[in-house]
Amino acid sequence: MSNNDIDKVSLRESHENCQSNNNCFNYTIQENDKSVKEILLGELNFSRRLCVKLEESGKILLNEKPVKLKKRVYIDDILTVYFEDEKEDEYDPVEMPLKILYEDESMLIVDKPPFMVVHPTKSHFYDTLANGVRFYFDSHNIRSKIRLVNRLDMNTSGIVIIAKNSFIHNELSKQMKENTVEKYYYAIAEGTIIQDKGTIDAPITRLNDDDIMRTVDPSGKESITHYEVIDRFDDMTLLRLKLETGRTHQIRVHLKHIRHPIIGDSLYNRESSLINRQALHCSEMSFTHPITKKRINIKAELPEDFKKLIKN
């Protein structure tokens, strides 16, 4: 076999590996007569430093052939970018049912049930969402670290996004920080909220570093929550909330601040005989896909204990 043939086999195996490894991604060129560098910088938001590093290591391919940043590209060309091989995380794989809302080569999005911790802690080491995702990745030959883009409290249910490579994680995290990700929650608050719509603009901080609780205080960071009343019951109100910022416990703190804490919230209210957790659910998220640039909208239906509380 000639060196040329070896190179072709190597490239083919490398391309097939990209489909299962998730340490790279393919991007279909949608414009004529641009350079690879212009695509990476302008369309995919790569840094100049990363572009140079990828070029030097031969990890940029065009139609399965290594290319330089100055190479011109045309519509329907396939640009493939490889990332450095990485060690897998230390999460132990544990088989458990996962409710998958969306998946592609870049990310996995699941509907986390209540009473599940997102990643291992001292008291929850093997029964976390990360353990379940590790098992899912291993059983589907997805050789990737588990990169959580967002997190939910143990007793909050709903949407959790897991990125399959560092680029996707960085891009989605950037959207989170820039508040371009739309995040909607449902909550059942104590008491009757009279206003049909409103905005809670109150800074949140943690007054004591050792305290898990947050509070509204002028020294805190800007925190904005928009709410809409969906229905009113006997001394309870069903709300749909949109987060403009993403502070820890933001909805729980803000609803307590306006004297309508969440039903069942043992930290900011009190336990309830109607539901054995805080009645809070991350129901919808909308963001721009880092590769396709299309808007992705994900919805998670209300869990059964939430429905039961509303029905009762």
C-alpha atoms as a PDB file:
ATOM      1  CA  MET A   1       0.000   0.000   0.000  1.00  0.00           C
ATOM      2  CA  SER A   2       1.422   3.388  -1.013  1.00  0.00           C
ATOM      3  CA  ASN A   3       1.696   6.365   1.317  1.00  0.00           C
ATOM      4  CA  ASN A   4      -1.090   7.982  -0.693  1.00  0.00           C
ATOM      5  CA  ASP A   5      -3.393   5.030  -0.066  1.00  0.00           C
ATOM      6  CA  ILE A   6      -2.501   5.044   3.617  1.00  0.00           C
ATOM      7  CA  ASP A   7      -3.394   8.730   3.822  1.00  0.00           C
ATOM      8  CA  LYS A   8      -6.768   8.079   2.160  1.00  0.00           C
ATOM      9  CA  VAL A   9      -7.584   5.218   4.538  1.00  0.00           C
ATOM     10  CA  SER A  10      -6.479   7.331   7.492  1.00  0.00           C
ATOM     11  CA  LEU A  11      -8.678  10.218   6.415  1.00  0.00           C
ATOM     12  CA  ARG A  12     -11.685   7.961   5.856  1.00  0.00           C
ATOM     13  CA  GLU A  13     -11.264   6.351   9.265  1.00  0.00           C
ATOM     14  CA  SER A  14     -10.803   9.787  10.800  1.00  0.00           C
ATOM     15  CA  HIS A  15     -14.019  11.043   9.205  1.00  0.00           C
ATOM     16  CA  GLU A  16     -15.976   7.992  10.406  1.00  0.00           C
ATOM     17  CA  ASN A  17     -14.446   8.450  13.852  1.00  0.00           C
ATOM     18  CA  CYS A  18     -15.789  12.014  13.929  1.00  0.00           C
ATOM     19  CA  GLN A  19     -19.339  10.732  13.650  1.00  0.00           C
ATOM     20  CA  SER A  20     -19.056   8.625  16.801  1.00  0.00           C
ATOM     21  CA  ASN A  21     -16.354  10.323  18.822  1.00  0.00           C
ATOM     22  CA  ASN A  22     -17.857  13.786  19.250  1.00  0.00           C
ATOM     23  CA  ASN A  23     -14.343  15.231  19.539  1.00  0.00           C
ATOM     24  CA  CYS A  24     -15.009  17.003  16.255  1.00  0.00           C
ATOM     25  CA  PHE A  25     -17.856  18.303  14.127  1.00  0.00           C
ATOM     26  CA  ASN A  26     -18.765  18.798  10.480  1.00  0.00           C
ATOM     27  CA  TYR A  27     -19.989  22.103   9.083  1.00  0.00           C
ATOM     28  CA  THR A  28     -21.543  22.440   5.634  1.00  0.00           C
ATOM     29  CA  ILE A  29     -20.353  25.596   3.885  1.00  0.00           C
ATOM     30  CA  GLN A  30     -23.246  27.864   2.911  1.00  0.00           C
ATOM     31  CA  GLU A  31     -21.397  30.702   1.140  1.00  0.00           C
ATOM     32  CA  ASN A  32     -19.111  30.924  -1.881  1.00  0.00           C
ATOM     33  CA  ASP A  33     -15.508  32.049  -2.064  1.00  0.00           C
ATOM     34  CA  LYS A  34     -14.599  32.534   1.571  1.00  0.00           C
ATOM     35  CA  SER A  35     -11.497  31.344   3.377  1.00  0.00           C
ATOM     36  CA  VAL A  36     -11.505  28.660   6.035  1.00  0.00           C
ATOM     37  CA  LYS A  37     -10.310  31.312   8.461  1.00  0.00           C
ATOM     38  CA  GLU A  38     -13.268  33.579   7.638  1.00  0.00           C
ATOM     39  CA  ILE A  39     -15.684  30.700   8.285  1.00  0.00           C
ATOM     40  CA  LEU A  40     -14.075  29.743  11.592  1.00  0.00           C
ATOM     41  CA  LEU A  41     -13.882  33.317  12.859  1.00  0.00           C
ATOM     42  CA  GLY A  42     -17.076  34.774  11.427  1.00  0.00           C
ATOM     43  CA  GLU A  43     -19.528  31.881  11.269  1.00  0.00           C
ATOM     44  CA  LEU A  44     -18.363  29.631  14.108  1.00  0.00           C
ATOM     45  CA  ASN A  45     -16.908  32.217  16.533  1.00  0.00           C
ATOM     46  CA  PHE A  46     -13.533  30.496  16.932  1.00  0.00           C
ATOM     47  CA  SER A  47     -10.766  32.569  18.462  1.00  0.00           C
ATOM     48  CA  ARG A  48      -7.747  33.464  16.308  1.00  0.00           C
ATOM     49  CA  ARG A  49      -5.502  31.612  18.719  1.00  0.00           C
ATOM     50  CA  LEU A  50      -7.535  28.412  18.419  1.00  0.00           C
ATOM     51  CA  CYS A  51      -7.595  28.689  14.615  1.00  0.00           C
ATOM     52  CA  VAL A  52      -3.792  28.878  14.469  1.00  0.00           C
ATOM     53  CA  LYS A  53      -3.448  25.977  16.910  1.00  0.00           C
ATOM     54  CA  LEU A  54      -5.809  23.803  14.868  1.00  0.00           C
ATOM     55  CA  GLU A  55      -4.001  24.667  11.642  1.00  0.00           C
ATOM     56  CA  GLU A  56      -0.589  23.843  13.090  1.00  0.00           C
ATOM     57  CA  SER A  57      -1.800  20.461  14.358  1.00  0.00           C
ATOM     58  CA  GLY A  58      -3.501  19.552  11.068  1.00  0.00           C
ATOM     59  CA  LYS A  59      -6.939  19.313  12.634  1.00  0.00           C
ATOM     60  CA  ILE A  60      -8.832  21.312   9.990  1.00  0.00           C
ATOM     61  CA  LEU A  61     -10.141  19.246   7.066  1.00  0.00           C
ATOM     62  CA  LEU A  62     -12.034  20.319   3.964  1.00  0.00           C
ATOM     63  CA  ASN A  63     -13.841  17.502   2.173  1.00  0.00           C
ATOM     64  CA  GLU A  64     -11.729  15.083   4.248  1.00  0.00           C
ATOM     65  CA  LYS A  65      -8.382  16.650   3.320  1.00  0.00           C
ATOM     66  CA  PRO A  66      -6.198  18.707   5.690  1.00  0.00           C
ATOM     67  CA  VAL A  67      -6.149  22.391   4.695  1.00  0.00           C
ATOM     68  CA  LYS A  68      -4.664  25.710   5.750  1.00  0.00           C
ATOM     69  CA  LEU A  69      -6.649  28.679   7.015  1.00  0.00           C
ATOM     70  CA  LYS A  70      -6.215  30.557   3.732  1.00  0.00           C
ATOM     71  CA  LYS A  71      -7.925  27.802   1.705  1.00  0.00           C
ATOM     72  CA  ARG A  72     -11.021  29.036  -0.195  1.00  0.00           C
ATOM     73  CA  VAL A  73     -14.316  27.224   0.381  1.00  0.00           C
ATOM     74  CA  TYR A  74     -17.539  26.988  -1.603  1.00  0.00           C
ATOM     75  CA  ILE A  75     -21.185  26.049  -1.039  1.00  0.00           C
ATOM     76  CA  ASP A  76     -21.713  22.431   0.095  1.00  0.00           C
ATOM     77  CA  ASP A  77     -18.055  21.870   0.976  1.00  0.00           C
ATOM     78  CA  ILE A  78     -17.725  19.954   4.250  1.00  0.00           C
ATOM     79  CA  LEU A  79     -15.468  21.560   6.835  1.00  0.00           C
ATOM     80  CA  THR A  80     -14.399  19.194   9.633  1.00  0.00           C
ATOM     81  CA  VAL A  81     -12.693  20.419  12.784  1.00  0.00           C
ATOM     82  CA  TYR A  82     -11.039  18.106  15.304  1.00  0.00           C
ATOM     83  CA  PHE A  83     -10.371  18.918  18.926  1.00  0.00           C
ATOM     84  CA  GLU A  84      -7.630  17.540  21.126  1.00  0.00           C
ATOM     85  CA  ASP A  85      -8.224  14.032  22.423  1.00  0.00           C
ATOM     86  CA  GLU A  86      -9.380  14.233  26.008  1.00  0.00           C
ATOM     87  CA  LYS A  87      -9.625  11.959  28.996  1.00  0.00           C
ATOM     88  CA  GLU A  88     -13.124  10.976  29.964  1.00  0.00           C
ATOM     89  CA  ASP A  89     -14.572  12.341  33.189  1.00  0.00           C
ATOM     90  CA  GLU A  90     -14.569  10.341  36.395  1.00  0.00           C
ATOM     91  CA  TYR A  91     -18.334   9.783  36.613  1.00  0.00           C
ATOM     92  CA  ASP A  92     -19.218   6.128  37.150  1.00  0.00           C
ATOM     93  CA  PRO A  93     -21.717   4.824  34.581  1.00  0.00           C
ATOM     94  CA  VAL A  94     -25.070   3.885  36.119  1.00  0.00           C
ATOM     95  CA  GLU A  95     -27.928   2.549  34.022  1.00  0.00           C
ATOM     96  CA  MET A  96     -31.090   4.590  34.475  1.00  0.00           C
ATOM     97  CA  PRO A  97     -33.937   5.792  32.256  1.00  0.00           C
ATOM     98  CA  LEU A  98     -33.260   9.132  30.558  1.00  0.00           C
ATOM     99  CA  LYS A  99     -36.014  11.200  29.000  1.00  0.00           C
ATOM    100  CA  ILE A 100     -34.246  12.587  25.954  1.00  0.00           C
ATOM    101  CA  LEU A 101     -35.791  15.714  24.456  1.00  0.00           C
ATOM    102  CA  TYR A 102     -33.166  16.358  21.748  1.00  0.00           C
ATOM    103  CA  GLU A 103     -29.856  14.936  20.564  1.00  0.00           C
ATOM    104  CA  ASP A 104     -27.393  15.537  17.748  1.00  0.00           C
ATOM    105  CA  GLU A 105     -23.618  15.205  17.350  1.00  0.00           C
ATOM    106  CA  SER A 106     -23.141  18.407  19.388  1.00  0.00           C
ATOM    107  CA  MET A 107     -25.395  18.027  22.415  1.00  0.00           C
ATOM    108  CA  LEU A 108     -27.800  15.933  24.457  1.00  0.00           C
ATOM    109  CA  ILE A 109     -30.828  17.562  26.103  1.00  0.00           C
ATOM    110  CA  VAL A 110     -32.780  15.689  28.761  1.00  0.00           C
ATOM    111  CA  ASP A 111     -35.781  16.215  31.018  1.00  0.00           C
ATOM    112  CA  LYS A 112     -34.451  15.789  34.560  1.00  0.00           C
ATOM    113  CA  PRO A 113     -36.959  14.291  36.996  1.00  0.00           C
ATOM    114  CA  PRO A 114     -37.402  15.746  40.483  1.00  0.00           C
ATOM    115  CA  PHE A 115     -35.340  14.337  43.377  1.00  0.00           C
ATOM    116  CA  MET A 116     -32.288  13.778  41.148  1.00  0.00           C
ATOM    117  CA  VAL A 117     -28.974  15.582  41.679  1.00  0.00           C
ATOM    118  CA  VAL A 118     -27.309  16.785  38.476  1.00  0.00           C
ATOM    119  CA  HIS A 119     -23.743  15.696  39.327  1.00  0.00           C
ATOM    120  CA  PRO A 120     -22.161  13.631  42.152  1.00  0.00           C
ATOM    121  CA  THR A 121     -21.874  15.018  45.679  1.00  0.00           C
ATOM    122  CA  LYS A 122     -20.812  13.424  48.951  1.00  0.00           C
ATOM    123  CA  SER A 123     -24.351  12.282  49.679  1.00  0.00           C
ATOM    124  CA  HIS A 124     -25.307  11.468  46.070  1.00  0.00           C
ATOM    125  CA  PHE A 125     -22.449   9.732  44.316  1.00  0.00           C
ATOM    126  CA  TYR A 126     -23.965   7.097  42.016  1.00  0.00           C
ATOM    127  CA  ASP A 127     -27.582   8.171  41.433  1.00  0.00           C
ATOM    128  CA  THR A 128     -27.047  11.489  39.636  1.00  0.00           C
ATOM    129  CA  LEU A 129     -27.947  12.633  36.154  1.00  0.00           C
ATOM    130  CA  ALA A 130     -24.242  12.679  35.230  1.00  0.00           C
ATOM    131  CA  ASN A 131     -23.970   8.973  36.114  1.00  0.00           C
ATOM    132  CA  GLY A 132     -26.912   8.175  33.865  1.00  0.00           C
ATOM    133  CA  VAL A 133     -25.536  10.244  30.997  1.00  0.00           C
ATOM    134  CA  ARG A 134     -22.133   8.549  31.390  1.00  0.00           C
ATOM    135  CA  PHE A 135     -23.823   5.139  30.980  1.00  0.00           C
ATOM    136  CA  TYR A 136     -25.769   6.428  27.961  1.00  0.00           C
ATOM    137  CA  PHE A 137     -22.616   7.818  26.326  1.00  0.00           C
ATOM    138  CA  ASP A 138     -20.675   4.595  26.940  1.00  0.00           C
ATOM    139  CA  SER A 139     -23.441   2.343  25.634  1.00  0.00           C
ATOM    140  CA  HIS A 140     -23.769   4.462  22.467  1.00  0.00           C
ATOM    141  CA  ASN A 141     -20.006   4.736  21.899  1.00  0.00           C
ATOM    142  CA  ILE A 142     -20.036   8.486  22.495  1.00  0.00           C
ATOM    143  CA  ARG A 143     -16.512   9.161  23.701  1.00  0.00           C
ATOM    144  CA  SER A 144     -16.993  12.545  25.249  1.00  0.00           C
ATOM    145  CA  LYS A 145     -16.756  14.287  28.583  1.00  0.00           C
ATOM    146  CA  ILE A 146     -20.018  15.277  30.246  1.00  0.00           C
ATOM    147  CA  ARG A 147     -20.191  19.060  30.039  1.00  0.00           C
ATOM    148  CA  LEU A 148     -23.232  20.491  31.765  1.00  0.00           C
ATOM    149  CA  VAL A 149     -24.360  23.753  30.178  1.00  0.00           C
ATOM    150  CA  ASN A 150     -26.967  24.433  32.873  1.00  0.00           C
ATOM    151  CA  ARG A 151     -27.874  22.944  36.226  1.00  0.00           C
ATOM    152  CA  LEU A 152     -31.080  22.518  38.200  1.00  0.00           C
ATOM    153  CA  ASP A 153     -31.603  22.059  41.925  1.00  0.00           C
ATOM    154  CA  MET A 154     -32.238  18.488  43.034  1.00  0.00           C
ATOM    155  CA  ASN A 155     -35.969  19.075  43.577  1.00  0.00           C
ATOM    156  CA  THR A 156     -36.490  21.179  40.452  1.00  0.00           C
ATOM    157  CA  SER A 157     -37.455  19.229  37.342  1.00  0.00           C
ATOM    158  CA  GLY A 158     -36.964  20.043  33.688  1.00  0.00           C
ATOM    159  CA  ILE A 159     -34.492  20.792  30.925  1.00  0.00           C
ATOM    160  CA  VAL A 160     -30.752  20.133  31.264  1.00  0.00           C
ATOM    161  CA  ILE A 161     -28.335  20.606  28.345  1.00  0.00           C
ATOM    162  CA  ILE A 162     -25.156  18.506  28.028  1.00  0.00           C
ATOM    163  CA  ALA A 163     -22.546  19.561  25.445  1.00  0.00           C
ATOM    164  CA  LYS A 164     -20.556  16.834  23.697  1.00  0.00           C
ATOM    165  CA  ASN A 165     -17.382  18.830  23.049  1.00  0.00           C
ATOM    166  CA  SER A 166     -15.565  21.860  24.414  1.00  0.00           C
ATOM    167  CA  PHE A 167     -16.504  24.187  21.552  1.00  0.00           C
ATOM    168  CA  ILE A 168     -20.248  23.579  21.958  1.00  0.00           C
ATOM    169  CA  HIS A 169     -19.965  23.955  25.728  1.00  0.00           C
ATOM    170  CA  ASN A 170     -18.114  27.261  25.432  1.00  0.00           C
ATOM    171  CA  GLU A 171     -20.543  28.669  22.863  1.00  0.00           C
ATOM    172  CA  LEU A 172     -23.686  27.707  24.797  1.00  0.00           C
ATOM    173  CA  SER A 173     -22.172  28.911  28.069  1.00  0.00           C
ATOM    174  CA  LYS A 174     -21.422  32.226  26.365  1.00  0.00           C
ATOM    175  CA  GLN A 175     -25.067  32.498  25.283  1.00  0.00           C
ATOM    176  CA  MET A 176     -26.089  31.785  28.872  1.00  0.00           C
ATOM    177  CA  LYS A 177     -23.845  34.556  30.212  1.00  0.00           C
ATOM    178  CA  GLU A 178     -25.051  37.009  27.567  1.00  0.00           C
ATOM    179  CA  ASN A 179     -28.680  36.146  28.448  1.00  0.00           C
ATOM    180  CA  THR A 180     -29.535  35.232  24.850  1.00  0.00           C
ATOM    181  CA  VAL A 181     -30.888  31.855  25.972  1.00  0.00           C
ATOM    182  CA  GLU A 182     -34.608  32.139  26.687  1.00  0.00           C
ATOM    183  CA  LYS A 183     -35.524  30.159  29.825  1.00  0.00           C
ATOM    184  CA  TYR A 184     -39.097  29.550  30.940  1.00  0.00           C
ATOM    185  CA  TYR A 185     -40.327  27.898  34.127  1.00  0.00           C
ATOM    186  CA  TYR A 186     -43.652  26.946  35.659  1.00  0.00           C
ATOM    187  CA  ALA A 187     -44.126  27.468  39.383  1.00  0.00           C
ATOM    188  CA  ILE A 188     -47.019  27.220  41.799  1.00  0.00           C
ATOM    189  CA  ALA A 189     -46.792  30.065  44.276  1.00  0.00           C
ATOM    190  CA  GLU A 190     -48.449  30.439  47.637  1.00  0.00           C
ATOM    191  CA  GLY A 191     -51.335  32.910  47.806  1.00  0.00           C
ATOM    192  CA  THR A 192     -53.214  34.779  45.092  1.00  0.00           C
ATOM    193  CA  ILE A 193     -51.139  37.024  42.837  1.00  0.00           C
ATOM    194  CA  ILE A 194     -53.437  39.814  41.662  1.00  0.00           C
ATOM    195  CA  GLN A 195     -51.399  41.234  38.770  1.00  0.00           C
ATOM    196  CA  ASP A 196     -51.736  39.196  35.581  1.00  0.00           C
ATOM    197  CA  LYS A 197     -48.189  40.061  34.554  1.00  0.00           C
ATOM    198  CA  GLY A 198     -45.199  41.599  36.263  1.00  0.00           C
ATOM    199  CA  THR A 199     -41.424  41.906  36.553  1.00  0.00           C
ATOM    200  CA  ILE A 200     -39.359  41.349  39.674  1.00  0.00           C
ATOM    201  CA  ASP A 201     -36.175  43.403  39.442  1.00  0.00           C
ATOM    202  CA  ALA A 202     -34.294  42.820  42.687  1.00  0.00           C
ATOM    203  CA  PRO A 203     -30.546  42.098  43.185  1.00  0.00           C
ATOM    204  CA  ILE A 204     -29.660  38.728  44.721  1.00  0.00           C
ATOM    205  CA  THR A 205     -26.676  37.812  46.862  1.00  0.00           C
ATOM    206  CA  ARG A 206     -25.484  35.361  49.506  1.00  0.00           C
ATOM    207  CA  LEU A 207     -24.824  37.285  52.718  1.00  0.00           C
ATOM    208  CA  ASN A 208     -22.863  34.448  54.315  1.00  0.00           C
ATOM    209  CA  ASP A 209     -20.373  32.393  52.285  1.00  0.00           C
ATOM    210  CA  ASP A 210     -21.260  29.289  54.284  1.00  0.00           C
ATOM    211  CA  ASP A 211     -25.010  29.703  53.766  1.00  0.00           C
ATOM    212  CA  ILE A 212     -26.797  27.942  50.919  1.00  0.00           C
ATOM    213  CA  MET A 213     -29.632  30.480  50.988  1.00  0.00           C
ATOM    214  CA  ARG A 214     -29.681  33.585  48.820  1.00  0.00           C
ATOM    215  CA  THR A 215     -31.538  36.804  49.523  1.00  0.00           C
ATOM    216  CA  VAL A 216     -32.533  40.090  47.919  1.00  0.00           C
ATOM    217  CA  ASP A 217     -30.067  42.770  48.944  1.00  0.00           C
ATOM    218  CA  PRO A 218     -28.745  46.020  47.377  1.00  0.00           C
ATOM    219  CA  SER A 219     -25.234  44.532  47.430  1.00  0.00           C
ATOM    220  CA  GLY A 220     -26.292  41.674  45.150  1.00  0.00           C
ATOM    221  CA  LYS A 221     -26.040  41.130  41.399  1.00  0.00           C
ATOM    222  CA  GLU A 222     -28.747  42.337  39.042  1.00  0.00           C
ATOM    223  CA  SER A 223     -31.541  39.758  38.900  1.00  0.00           C
ATOM    224  CA  ILE A 224     -34.655  40.060  36.740  1.00  0.00           C
ATOM    225  CA  THR A 225     -37.612  37.658  36.551  1.00  0.00           C
ATOM    226  CA  HIS A 226     -40.716  38.179  34.421  1.00  0.00           C
ATOM    227  CA  TYR A 227     -43.913  36.363  35.357  1.00  0.00           C
ATOM    228  CA  GLU A 228     -47.371  35.742  33.928  1.00  0.00           C
ATOM    229  CA  VAL A 229     -50.335  34.330  35.822  1.00  0.00           C
ATOM    230  CA  ILE A 230     -51.688  31.222  34.082  1.00  0.00           C
ATOM    231  CA  ASP A 231     -54.356  30.280  36.630  1.00  0.00           C
ATOM    232  CA  ARG A 232     -55.465  31.012  40.168  1.00  0.00           C
ATOM    233  CA  PHE A 233     -56.644  28.409  42.686  1.00  0.00           C
ATOM    234  CA  ASP A 234     -57.604  28.454  46.354  1.00  0.00           C
ATOM    235  CA  ASP A 235     -54.713  30.392  47.885  1.00  0.00           C
ATOM    236  CA  MET A 236     -52.320  29.303  45.073  1.00  0.00           C
ATOM    237  CA  THR A 237     -51.238  30.786  41.735  1.00  0.00           C
ATOM    238  CA  LEU A 238     -49.843  28.976  38.704  1.00  0.00           C
ATOM    239  CA  LEU A 239     -47.144  31.098  37.062  1.00  0.00           C
ATOM    240  CA  ARG A 240     -45.115  30.982  33.875  1.00  0.00           C
ATOM    241  CA  LEU A 241     -41.812  32.739  34.456  1.00  0.00           C
ATOM    242  CA  LYS A 242     -39.086  33.940  32.138  1.00  0.00           C
ATOM    243  CA  LEU A 243     -35.570  34.453  33.469  1.00  0.00           C
ATOM    244  CA  GLU A 244     -33.747  37.472  32.114  1.00  0.00           C
ATOM    245  CA  THR A 245     -30.767  36.693  34.348  1.00  0.00           C
ATOM    246  CA  GLY A 246     -29.704  33.346  35.771  1.00  0.00           C
ATOM    247  CA  ARG A 247     -28.779  33.665  39.429  1.00  0.00           C
ATOM    248  CA  THR A 248     -28.732  30.697  41.786  1.00  0.00           C
ATOM    249  CA  HIS A 249     -32.216  30.088  43.259  1.00  0.00           C
ATOM    250  CA  GLN A 250     -33.422  33.213  41.411  1.00  0.00           C
ATOM    251  CA  ILE A 251     -37.095  32.288  41.014  1.00  0.00           C
ATOM    252  CA  ARG A 252     -37.313  30.868  44.533  1.00  0.00           C
ATOM    253  CA  VAL A 253     -35.744  33.999  46.063  1.00  0.00           C
ATOM    254  CA  HIS A 254     -37.777  36.432  43.966  1.00  0.00           C
ATOM    255  CA  LEU A 255     -41.123  34.799  44.713  1.00  0.00           C
ATOM    256  CA  LYS A 256     -40.314  34.783  48.410  1.00  0.00           C
ATOM    257  CA  HIS A 257     -39.363  38.457  48.087  1.00  0.00           C
ATOM    258  CA  ILE A 258     -42.845  39.372  46.803  1.00  0.00           C
ATOM    259  CA  ARG A 259     -44.370  37.239  49.588  1.00  0.00           C
ATOM    260  CA  HIS A 260     -45.570  34.463  47.295  1.00  0.00           C
ATOM    261  CA  PRO A 261     -43.006  31.697  47.880  1.00  0.00           C
ATOM    262  CA  ILE A 262     -43.176  28.450  45.937  1.00  0.00           C
ATOM    263  CA  ILE A 263     -45.405  25.716  47.357  1.00  0.00           C
ATOM    264  CA  GLY A 264     -43.325  22.946  48.941  1.00  0.00           C
ATOM    265  CA  ASP A 265     -40.057  24.902  48.961  1.00  0.00           C
ATOM    266  CA  SER A 266     -38.517  23.742  52.237  1.00  0.00           C
ATOM    267  CA  LEU A 267     -35.653  26.248  51.987  1.00  0.00           C
ATOM    268  CA  TYR A 268     -37.515  29.466  51.192  1.00  0.00           C
ATOM    269  CA  ASN A 269     -40.986  28.513  52.400  1.00  0.00           C
ATOM    270  CA  ARG A 270     -42.076  25.304  54.138  1.00  0.00           C
ATOM    271  CA  GLU A 271     -42.854  21.705  53.265  1.00  0.00           C
ATOM    272  CA  SER A 272     -46.307  20.963  51.878  1.00  0.00           C
ATOM    273  CA  SER A 273     -48.694  18.025  52.189  1.00  0.00           C
ATOM    274  CA  LEU A 274     -49.732  18.658  48.558  1.00  0.00           C
ATOM    275  CA  ILE A 275     -46.334  18.057  46.920  1.00  0.00           C
ATOM    276  CA  ASN A 276     -43.106  16.759  48.463  1.00  0.00           C
ATOM    277  CA  ARG A 277     -40.761  19.195  46.703  1.00  0.00           C
ATOM    278  CA  GLN A 278     -40.770  22.772  45.446  1.00  0.00           C
ATOM    279  CA  ALA A 279     -43.335  23.142  42.659  1.00  0.00           C
ATOM    280  CA  LEU A 280     -40.846  24.428  40.082  1.00  0.00           C
ATOM    281  CA  HIS A 281     -40.239  23.064  36.593  1.00  0.00           C
ATOM    282  CA  CYS A 282     -37.951  24.252  33.764  1.00  0.00           C
ATOM    283  CA  SER A 283     -40.387  23.887  30.884  1.00  0.00           C
ATOM    284  CA  GLU A 284     -38.832  25.560  27.863  1.00  0.00           C
ATOM    285  CA  MET A 285     -35.471  26.764  26.551  1.00  0.00           C
ATOM    286  CA  SER A 286     -34.610  28.488  23.300  1.00  0.00           C
ATOM    287  CA  PHE A 287     -31.089  29.135  21.990  1.00  0.00           C
ATOM    288  CA  THR A 288     -29.029  29.416  18.808  1.00  0.00           C
ATOM    289  CA  HIS A 289     -27.317  26.211  17.698  1.00  0.00           C
ATOM    290  CA  PRO A 290     -23.557  26.978  17.563  1.00  0.00           C
ATOM    291  CA  ILE A 291     -23.106  25.008  14.317  1.00  0.00           C
ATOM    292  CA  THR A 292     -26.276  25.402  12.262  1.00  0.00           C
ATOM    293  CA  LYS A 293     -27.053  28.912  13.629  1.00  0.00           C
ATOM    294  CA  LYS A 294     -30.716  27.896  13.694  1.00  0.00           C
ATOM    295  CA  ARG A 295     -32.886  28.665  16.708  1.00  0.00           C
ATOM    296  CA  ILE A 296     -33.557  25.541  18.769  1.00  0.00           C
ATOM    297  CA  ASN A 297     -36.670  25.447  20.962  1.00  0.00           C
ATOM    298  CA  ILE A 298     -36.959  22.667  23.552  1.00  0.00           C
ATOM    299  CA  LYS A 299     -40.017  21.935  25.687  1.00  0.00           C
ATOM    300  CA  ALA A 300     -40.492  19.602  28.656  1.00  0.00           C
ATOM    301  CA  GLU A 301     -44.024  18.769  29.734  1.00  0.00           C
ATOM    302  CA  LEU A 302     -45.084  19.102  33.343  1.00  0.00           C
ATOM    303  CA  PRO A 303     -44.214  16.084  35.537  1.00  0.00           C
ATOM    304  CA  GLU A 304     -46.971  14.027  37.128  1.00  0.00           C
ATOM    305  CA  ASP A 305     -46.653  15.447  40.669  1.00  0.00           C
ATOM    306  CA  PHE A 306     -47.022  18.947  39.233  1.00  0.00           C
ATOM    307  CA  LYS A 307     -50.097  17.964  37.237  1.00  0.00           C
ATOM    308  CA  LYS A 308     -51.593  16.274  40.284  1.00  0.00           C
ATOM    309  CA  LEU A 309     -51.096  19.396  42.391  1.00  0.00           C
ATOM    310  CA  ILE A 310     -52.842  21.537  39.756  1.00  0.00           C
ATOM    311  CA  LYS A 311     -55.675  19.030  39.409  1.00  0.00           C
ATOM    312  CA  ASN A 312     -56.237  18.817  43.149  1.00  0.00           C
END
